[in-house]
């Protein structure tokens, strides 16, 4: 189906969708629900959010020339997560929204649950292939390297194409639960919403997209899910 460049669409899998525009999902709960301190430079777009005790810093720097726009760091014990600009914001929000729980603030734990499954279990549930300590998405475009108790990283690209590259790197004594949070939000089969022009060009031919508007009956989410069943059935018949 053809889409206008101005359409908002549902897209899956999520890792193909690009960053998106849900910046508020990453930073908003920390600021508005948990009262973390923040600063904002309107000229550069730089935003820094600090936990009440100064233990954790979430830094968004969209002018960094190395494209590592996101840094989430804990000071003692030290750990850090760095993500580049096209990393889907939903997956990053999976990390930032549970940071208060890791610091002992459980006020909204029922609304923002912490992933209980391991990375290996989450990968298996979502059809990712395991090889030693790496997990690869069904289409091969996204790989998570994760050894329990060690640093982990995620690499993504579509045919090595410009605009489709993004990566996440962790270092230090990072809680394993955060790796599970990230993958559970990244590998989820549920679609995310994007402006079509925000989706990396080469990723569009690899993803399933459904216009948000124009569904008077079933609705966009149901239509998108049904399209996935049709795709799966067609693949089964070709085998």
C-alpha atoms as a PDB file:
ATOM      1  CA  UNK A   1       0.000   0.000   0.000  1.00  0.00           C
ATOM      2  CA  UNK A   2       1.254   3.460  -0.890  1.00  0.00           C
ATOM      3  CA  UNK A   3       1.464   6.115   1.794  1.00  0.00           C
ATOM      4  CA  UNK A   4       1.760   9.879   1.660  1.00  0.00           C
ATOM      5  CA  UNK A   5       4.965  11.340   3.072  1.00  0.00           C
ATOM      6  CA  UNK A   6       2.860  13.196   5.659  1.00  0.00           C
ATOM      7  CA  UNK A   7       1.032  10.080   6.920  1.00  0.00           C
ATOM      8  CA  UNK A   8       1.373   8.836  10.456  1.00  0.00           C
ATOM      9  CA  UNK A   9       1.736   5.104  10.359  1.00  0.00           C
ATOM     10  CA  UNK A  10       2.035   2.141  12.661  1.00  0.00           C
ATOM     11  CA  UNK A  11       5.258   0.287  11.973  1.00  0.00           C
ATOM     12  CA  UNK A  12       6.748  -3.010  13.052  1.00  0.00           C
ATOM     13  CA  UNK A  13       9.196  -4.411  13.902  1.00  0.00           C
ATOM     14  CA  UNK A  14      10.133  -1.591  16.217  1.00  0.00           C
ATOM     15  CA  UNK A  15      13.880  -1.649  15.616  1.00  0.00           C
ATOM     16  CA  UNK A  16      13.290  -0.570  11.983  1.00  0.00           C
ATOM     17  CA  UNK A  17      11.261   2.483  12.972  1.00  0.00           C
ATOM     18  CA  UNK A  18      14.042   4.961  13.738  1.00  0.00           C
ATOM     19  CA  UNK A  19      14.000   7.172  16.820  1.00  0.00           C
ATOM     20  CA  UNK A  20      10.545   8.692  16.447  1.00  0.00           C
ATOM     21  CA  UNK A  21       9.321  11.789  18.238  1.00  0.00           C
ATOM     22  CA  UNK A  22       8.340  10.475  21.682  1.00  0.00           C
ATOM     23  CA  UNK A  23      11.066  12.315  23.586  1.00  0.00           C
ATOM     24  CA  UNK A  24       8.565  12.982  26.373  1.00  0.00           C
ATOM     25  CA  UNK A  25       8.257   9.230  27.022  1.00  0.00           C
ATOM     26  CA  UNK A  26      11.980   9.047  27.804  1.00  0.00           C
ATOM     27  CA  UNK A  27      12.307  12.133  30.001  1.00  0.00           C
ATOM     28  CA  UNK A  28       8.784  13.146  31.018  1.00  0.00           C
ATOM     29  CA  UNK A  29       8.099  10.549  33.751  1.00  0.00           C
ATOM     30  CA  UNK A  30      11.395  11.327  35.484  1.00  0.00           C
ATOM     31  CA  UNK A  31      10.593  15.042  35.550  1.00  0.00           C
ATOM     32  CA  UNK A  32       6.824  15.103  36.074  1.00  0.00           C
ATOM     33  CA  UNK A  33       6.143  11.914  38.061  1.00  0.00           C
ATOM     34  CA  UNK A  34       9.316  11.560  40.103  1.00  0.00           C
ATOM     35  CA  UNK A  35      10.417  15.185  40.372  1.00  0.00           C
ATOM     36  CA  UNK A  36      13.945  14.771  39.067  1.00  0.00           C
ATOM     37  CA  UNK A  37      15.828  18.014  38.470  1.00  0.00           C
ATOM     38  CA  UNK A  38      16.385  19.038  34.875  1.00  0.00           C
ATOM     39  CA  UNK A  39      17.974  21.724  32.744  1.00  0.00           C
ATOM     40  CA  UNK A  40      17.239  22.614  29.121  1.00  0.00           C
ATOM     41  CA  UNK A  41      19.177  24.684  26.601  1.00  0.00           C
ATOM     42  CA  UNK A  42      16.618  25.783  23.971  1.00  0.00           C
ATOM     43  CA  UNK A  43      19.326  26.755  21.486  1.00  0.00           C
ATOM     44  CA  UNK A  44      21.065  23.379  21.337  1.00  0.00           C
ATOM     45  CA  UNK A  45      18.189  21.201  22.515  1.00  0.00           C
ATOM     46  CA  UNK A  46      20.403  19.784  25.263  1.00  0.00           C
ATOM     47  CA  UNK A  47      18.504  18.330  28.227  1.00  0.00           C
ATOM     48  CA  UNK A  48      20.058  16.984  31.432  1.00  0.00           C
ATOM     49  CA  UNK A  49      17.992  15.193  34.079  1.00  0.00           C
ATOM     50  CA  UNK A  50      19.447  14.384  37.532  1.00  0.00           C
ATOM     51  CA  UNK A  51      18.095  12.027  40.183  1.00  0.00           C
ATOM     52  CA  UNK A  52      17.346  13.622  43.584  1.00  0.00           C
ATOM     53  CA  UNK A  53      20.487  12.198  45.173  1.00  0.00           C
ATOM     54  CA  UNK A  54      22.686  12.913  42.183  1.00  0.00           C
ATOM     55  CA  UNK A  55      23.288   9.203  41.588  1.00  0.00           C
ATOM     56  CA  UNK A  56      21.968   9.052  38.014  1.00  0.00           C
ATOM     57  CA  UNK A  57      22.215  11.456  35.081  1.00  0.00           C
ATOM     58  CA  UNK A  58      20.195  11.188  31.864  1.00  0.00           C
ATOM     59  CA  UNK A  59      21.748  13.398  29.197  1.00  0.00           C
ATOM     60  CA  UNK A  60      20.266  14.185  25.777  1.00  0.00           C
ATOM     61  CA  UNK A  61      22.697  16.075  23.521  1.00  0.00           C
ATOM     62  CA  UNK A  62      21.326  16.266  19.935  1.00  0.00           C
ATOM     63  CA  UNK A  63      24.268  18.291  18.607  1.00  0.00           C
ATOM     64  CA  UNK A  64      27.004  15.780  19.385  1.00  0.00           C
ATOM     65  CA  UNK A  65      28.983  15.171  16.175  1.00  0.00           C
ATOM     66  CA  UNK A  66      29.512  11.488  16.997  1.00  0.00           C
ATOM     67  CA  UNK A  67      25.688  11.051  17.036  1.00  0.00           C
ATOM     68  CA  UNK A  68      25.814   9.532  20.540  1.00  0.00           C
ATOM     69  CA  UNK A  69      22.905  11.681  21.625  1.00  0.00           C
ATOM     70  CA  UNK A  70      21.945   9.722  24.750  1.00  0.00           C
ATOM     71  CA  UNK A  71      23.989   8.983  27.858  1.00  0.00           C
ATOM     72  CA  UNK A  72      22.482   7.375  30.951  1.00  0.00           C
ATOM     73  CA  UNK A  73      25.041   7.079  33.734  1.00  0.00           C
ATOM     74  CA  UNK A  74      25.176   5.929  37.350  1.00  0.00           C
ATOM     75  CA  UNK A  75      27.991   7.194  39.522  1.00  0.00           C
ATOM     76  CA  UNK A  76      28.484   4.572  42.210  1.00  0.00           C
ATOM     77  CA  UNK A  77      28.865   1.798  41.337  1.00  0.00           C
ATOM     78  CA  UNK A  78      29.664   3.118  37.904  1.00  0.00           C
ATOM     79  CA  UNK A  79      27.679   2.046  34.879  1.00  0.00           C
ATOM     80  CA  UNK A  80      26.719   3.814  31.697  1.00  0.00           C
ATOM     81  CA  UNK A  81      24.520   3.339  28.643  1.00  0.00           C
ATOM     82  CA  UNK A  82      25.230   5.296  25.442  1.00  0.00           C
ATOM     83  CA  UNK A  83      22.819   5.327  22.496  1.00  0.00           C
ATOM     84  CA  UNK A  84      23.007   6.913  19.058  1.00  0.00           C
ATOM     85  CA  UNK A  85      20.388   9.169  17.520  1.00  0.00           C
ATOM     86  CA  UNK A  86      18.247   6.639  15.595  1.00  0.00           C
ATOM     87  CA  UNK A  87      17.753   4.326  18.579  1.00  0.00           C
ATOM     88  CA  UNK A  88      13.979   3.831  19.026  1.00  0.00           C
ATOM     89  CA  UNK A  89      12.846   6.047  21.861  1.00  0.00           C
ATOM     90  CA  UNK A  90      10.405   3.442  23.167  1.00  0.00           C
ATOM     91  CA  UNK A  91      13.293   1.123  24.046  1.00  0.00           C
ATOM     92  CA  UNK A  92      15.229   3.913  25.743  1.00  0.00           C
ATOM     93  CA  UNK A  93      12.116   4.835  27.717  1.00  0.00           C
ATOM     94  CA  UNK A  94      12.068   1.241  28.908  1.00  0.00           C
ATOM     95  CA  UNK A  95      15.340   2.008  30.687  1.00  0.00           C
ATOM     96  CA  UNK A  96      14.752   5.545  31.940  1.00  0.00           C
ATOM     97  CA  UNK A  97      11.269   4.966  33.325  1.00  0.00           C
ATOM     98  CA  UNK A  98      12.463   2.249  35.739  1.00  0.00           C
ATOM     99  CA  UNK A  99      15.513   4.116  37.000  1.00  0.00           C
ATOM    100  CA  UNK A 100      13.652   5.449  40.066  1.00  0.00           C
ATOM    101  CA  UNK A 101      12.731   1.874  41.058  1.00  0.00           C
ATOM    102  CA  UNK A 102      16.391   0.880  40.930  1.00  0.00           C
ATOM    103  CA  UNK A 103      17.073   3.762  43.323  1.00  0.00           C
ATOM    104  CA  UNK A 104      14.322   2.655  45.705  1.00  0.00           C
ATOM    105  CA  UNK A 105      11.445   4.884  44.567  1.00  0.00           C
ATOM    106  CA  UNK A 106       8.616   2.405  43.951  1.00  0.00           C
ATOM    107  CA  UNK A 107       5.678   4.822  43.918  1.00  0.00           C
ATOM    108  CA  UNK A 108       4.685   3.946  40.349  1.00  0.00           C
ATOM    109  CA  UNK A 109       5.984   0.384  40.133  1.00  0.00           C
ATOM    110  CA  UNK A 110       2.512  -0.949  39.305  1.00  0.00           C
ATOM    111  CA  UNK A 111       2.230   1.442  36.342  1.00  0.00           C
ATOM    112  CA  UNK A 112       5.822   1.053  35.163  1.00  0.00           C
ATOM    113  CA  UNK A 113       6.690  -2.628  35.674  1.00  0.00           C
ATOM    114  CA  UNK A 114      10.251  -3.883  35.682  1.00  0.00           C
ATOM    115  CA  UNK A 115      10.962  -6.734  33.271  1.00  0.00           C
ATOM    116  CA  UNK A 116      11.188 -10.027  35.146  1.00  0.00           C
ATOM    117  CA  UNK A 117      12.347 -12.275  32.288  1.00  0.00           C
ATOM    118  CA  UNK A 118      15.979 -12.666  31.280  1.00  0.00           C
ATOM    119  CA  UNK A 119      17.349 -11.380  27.986  1.00  0.00           C
ATOM    120  CA  UNK A 120      17.503 -14.948  26.664  1.00  0.00           C
ATOM    121  CA  UNK A 121      13.841 -15.553  27.539  1.00  0.00           C
ATOM    122  CA  UNK A 122      12.707 -12.270  25.981  1.00  0.00           C
ATOM    123  CA  UNK A 123      14.675 -13.015  22.824  1.00  0.00           C
ATOM    124  CA  UNK A 124      13.205 -16.510  22.548  1.00  0.00           C
ATOM    125  CA  UNK A 125       9.613 -15.344  23.086  1.00  0.00           C
ATOM    126  CA  UNK A 126      10.002 -12.848  20.255  1.00  0.00           C
ATOM    127  CA  UNK A 127      11.626 -15.234  17.793  1.00  0.00           C
ATOM    128  CA  UNK A 128      15.195 -13.922  18.006  1.00  0.00           C
ATOM    129  CA  UNK A 129      17.943 -16.451  17.259  1.00  0.00           C
ATOM    130  CA  UNK A 130      20.477 -17.219  19.973  1.00  0.00           C
ATOM    131  CA  UNK A 131      24.143 -17.942  19.270  1.00  0.00           C
ATOM    132  CA  UNK A 132      26.362 -18.153  22.331  1.00  0.00           C
ATOM    133  CA  UNK A 133      25.842 -14.723  23.960  1.00  0.00           C
ATOM    134  CA  UNK A 134      24.311 -12.960  20.946  1.00  0.00           C
ATOM    135  CA  UNK A 135      20.662 -12.664  19.958  1.00  0.00           C
ATOM    136  CA  UNK A 136      19.628 -11.761  16.401  1.00  0.00           C
ATOM    137  CA  UNK A 137      16.264 -10.456  15.189  1.00  0.00           C
ATOM    138  CA  UNK A 138      14.312 -12.686  12.769  1.00  0.00           C
ATOM    139  CA  UNK A 139      15.296 -10.537   9.761  1.00  0.00           C
ATOM    140  CA  UNK A 140      18.960 -10.309  10.820  1.00  0.00           C
ATOM    141  CA  UNK A 141      19.039  -6.517  10.985  1.00  0.00           C
ATOM    142  CA  UNK A 142      19.406  -6.175  14.763  1.00  0.00           C
ATOM    143  CA  UNK A 143      21.804  -8.004  17.109  1.00  0.00           C
ATOM    144  CA  UNK A 144      22.098  -7.814  20.868  1.00  0.00           C
ATOM    145  CA  UNK A 145      25.356  -9.048  22.367  1.00  0.00           C
ATOM    146  CA  UNK A 146      24.767  -9.896  26.003  1.00  0.00           C
ATOM    147  CA  UNK A 147      26.833 -11.957  28.406  1.00  0.00           C
ATOM    148  CA  UNK A 148      25.289 -12.090  31.905  1.00  0.00           C
ATOM    149  CA  UNK A 149      27.207  -9.893  34.297  1.00  0.00           C
ATOM    150  CA  UNK A 150      29.167  -8.233  31.500  1.00  0.00           C
ATOM    151  CA  UNK A 151      28.759  -5.166  29.325  1.00  0.00           C
ATOM    152  CA  UNK A 152      26.260  -5.492  26.466  1.00  0.00           C
ATOM    153  CA  UNK A 153      25.640  -3.769  23.153  1.00  0.00           C
ATOM    154  CA  UNK A 154      23.062  -3.617  20.400  1.00  0.00           C
ATOM    155  CA  UNK A 155      23.865  -3.008  16.729  1.00  0.00           C
ATOM    156  CA  UNK A 156      21.354  -2.282  13.967  1.00  0.00           C
ATOM    157  CA  UNK A 157      21.500  -1.503  10.254  1.00  0.00           C
ATOM    158  CA  UNK A 158      19.606  -2.360   7.067  1.00  0.00           C
ATOM    159  CA  UNK A 159      21.974  -3.460   4.308  1.00  0.00           C
ATOM    160  CA  UNK A 160      24.573  -1.113   5.832  1.00  0.00           C
ATOM    161  CA  UNK A 161      22.458   1.802   4.596  1.00  0.00           C
ATOM    162  CA  UNK A 162      22.875   5.429   5.609  1.00  0.00           C
ATOM    163  CA  UNK A 163      20.298   6.470   8.189  1.00  0.00           C
ATOM    164  CA  UNK A 164      19.540   2.919   9.335  1.00  0.00           C
ATOM    165  CA  UNK A 165      22.508   2.579  11.686  1.00  0.00           C
ATOM    166  CA  UNK A 166      21.996   2.856  15.400  1.00  0.00           C
ATOM    167  CA  UNK A 167      23.741   1.322  18.365  1.00  0.00           C
ATOM    168  CA  UNK A 168      23.547   1.077  22.135  1.00  0.00           C
ATOM    169  CA  UNK A 169      26.541   0.311  24.319  1.00  0.00           C
ATOM    170  CA  UNK A 170      26.648  -0.445  28.021  1.00  0.00           C
ATOM    171  CA  UNK A 171      29.648  -0.506  30.297  1.00  0.00           C
ATOM    172  CA  UNK A 172      30.424  -0.926  33.967  1.00  0.00           C
ATOM    173  CA  UNK A 173      28.370  -2.648  36.644  1.00  0.00           C
ATOM    174  CA  UNK A 174      25.016  -2.320  34.861  1.00  0.00           C
ATOM    175  CA  UNK A 175      21.999  -4.121  36.412  1.00  0.00           C
ATOM    176  CA  UNK A 176      20.941  -7.025  34.183  1.00  0.00           C
ATOM    177  CA  UNK A 177      17.321  -5.897  34.524  1.00  0.00           C
ATOM    178  CA  UNK A 178      18.031  -2.875  32.329  1.00  0.00           C
ATOM    179  CA  UNK A 179      19.149  -5.080  29.448  1.00  0.00           C
ATOM    180  CA  UNK A 180      15.850  -6.955  29.766  1.00  0.00           C
ATOM    181  CA  UNK A 181      13.920  -3.683  29.872  1.00  0.00           C
ATOM    182  CA  UNK A 182      15.558  -2.485  26.680  1.00  0.00           C
ATOM    183  CA  UNK A 183      15.046  -5.703  24.720  1.00  0.00           C
ATOM    184  CA  UNK A 184      11.465  -6.217  25.888  1.00  0.00           C
ATOM    185  CA  UNK A 185      10.498  -2.784  24.525  1.00  0.00           C
ATOM    186  CA  UNK A 186      12.586  -3.213  21.372  1.00  0.00           C
ATOM    187  CA  UNK A 187      11.576  -6.733  20.376  1.00  0.00           C
ATOM    188  CA  UNK A 188       7.887  -6.395  21.226  1.00  0.00           C
ATOM    189  CA  UNK A 189       5.667  -7.305  18.253  1.00  0.00           C
ATOM    190  CA  UNK A 190       3.397  -4.351  19.009  1.00  0.00           C
ATOM    191  CA  UNK A 191       3.823  -1.577  16.417  1.00  0.00           C
ATOM    192  CA  UNK A 192       4.923   1.960  17.198  1.00  0.00           C
ATOM    193  CA  UNK A 193       3.666   5.147  15.607  1.00  0.00           C
ATOM    194  CA  UNK A 194       5.811   7.316  13.357  1.00  0.00           C
ATOM    195  CA  UNK A 195       5.544  10.058  10.781  1.00  0.00           C
ATOM    196  CA  UNK A 196       6.367   8.194   7.580  1.00  0.00           C
ATOM    197  CA  UNK A 197       9.173  10.592   6.645  1.00  0.00           C
ATOM    198  CA  UNK A 198      10.869   9.896   9.996  1.00  0.00           C
ATOM    199  CA  UNK A 199      11.334   6.212   9.150  1.00  0.00           C
ATOM    200  CA  UNK A 200      14.758   5.537   7.577  1.00  0.00           C
ATOM    201  CA  UNK A 201      14.278   5.145   3.828  1.00  0.00           C
ATOM    202  CA  UNK A 202      15.850   1.705   3.459  1.00  0.00           C
ATOM    203  CA  UNK A 203      13.932   0.419   6.477  1.00  0.00           C
ATOM    204  CA  UNK A 204      10.559   1.160   4.895  1.00  0.00           C
ATOM    205  CA  UNK A 205      10.748  -1.728   2.446  1.00  0.00           C
ATOM    206  CA  UNK A 206      11.626  -4.130   5.275  1.00  0.00           C
ATOM    207  CA  UNK A 207       8.893  -3.079   7.694  1.00  0.00           C
ATOM    208  CA  UNK A 208       5.133  -3.470   7.832  1.00  0.00           C
ATOM    209  CA  UNK A 209       3.319  -0.106   7.874  1.00  0.00           C
ATOM    210  CA  UNK A 210      -0.346   0.701   8.410  1.00  0.00           C
ATOM    211  CA  UNK A 211      -1.803   4.233   8.100  1.00  0.00           C
ATOM    212  CA  UNK A 212      -3.156   5.498  11.422  1.00  0.00           C
ATOM    213  CA  UNK A 213      -6.032   7.338   9.741  1.00  0.00           C
ATOM    214  CA  UNK A 214      -8.783   5.911   7.552  1.00  0.00           C
ATOM    215  CA  UNK A 215      -9.888   2.838   9.532  1.00  0.00           C
ATOM    216  CA  UNK A 216     -13.560   3.351  10.312  1.00  0.00           C
ATOM    217  CA  UNK A 217     -14.178  -0.263  11.307  1.00  0.00           C
ATOM    218  CA  UNK A 218     -11.491  -2.370  12.900  1.00  0.00           C
ATOM    219  CA  UNK A 219      -9.020   0.413  13.666  1.00  0.00           C
ATOM    220  CA  UNK A 220      -5.376   0.789  12.734  1.00  0.00           C
ATOM    221  CA  UNK A 221      -3.939  -1.506  15.414  1.00  0.00           C
ATOM    222  CA  UNK A 222      -6.252  -4.401  14.572  1.00  0.00           C
ATOM    223  CA  UNK A 223      -5.661  -3.900  10.840  1.00  0.00           C
ATOM    224  CA  UNK A 224      -1.907  -3.916  11.445  1.00  0.00           C
ATOM    225  CA  UNK A 225      -2.121  -7.124  13.501  1.00  0.00           C
ATOM    226  CA  UNK A 226      -4.245  -8.835  10.851  1.00  0.00           C
ATOM    227  CA  UNK A 227      -1.694  -7.826   8.218  1.00  0.00           C
ATOM    228  CA  UNK A 228       0.938  -9.619  10.247  1.00  0.00           C
ATOM    229  CA  UNK A 229      -1.129 -12.800  10.274  1.00  0.00           C
ATOM    230  CA  UNK A 230      -1.499 -12.611   6.497  1.00  0.00           C
ATOM    231  CA  UNK A 231       2.262 -12.127   6.085  1.00  0.00           C
ATOM    232  CA  UNK A 232       2.981 -15.112   8.329  1.00  0.00           C
ATOM    233  CA  UNK A 233       0.501 -17.313   6.456  1.00  0.00           C
ATOM    234  CA  UNK A 234       1.964 -16.320   3.086  1.00  0.00           C
ATOM    235  CA  UNK A 235       5.482 -17.145   4.271  1.00  0.00           C
ATOM    236  CA  UNK A 236       4.263 -20.526   5.503  1.00  0.00           C
ATOM    237  CA  UNK A 237       2.749 -21.387   2.140  1.00  0.00           C
ATOM    238  CA  UNK A 238       5.966 -20.502   0.311  1.00  0.00           C
ATOM    239  CA  UNK A 239       7.999 -22.970   2.373  1.00  0.00           C
END
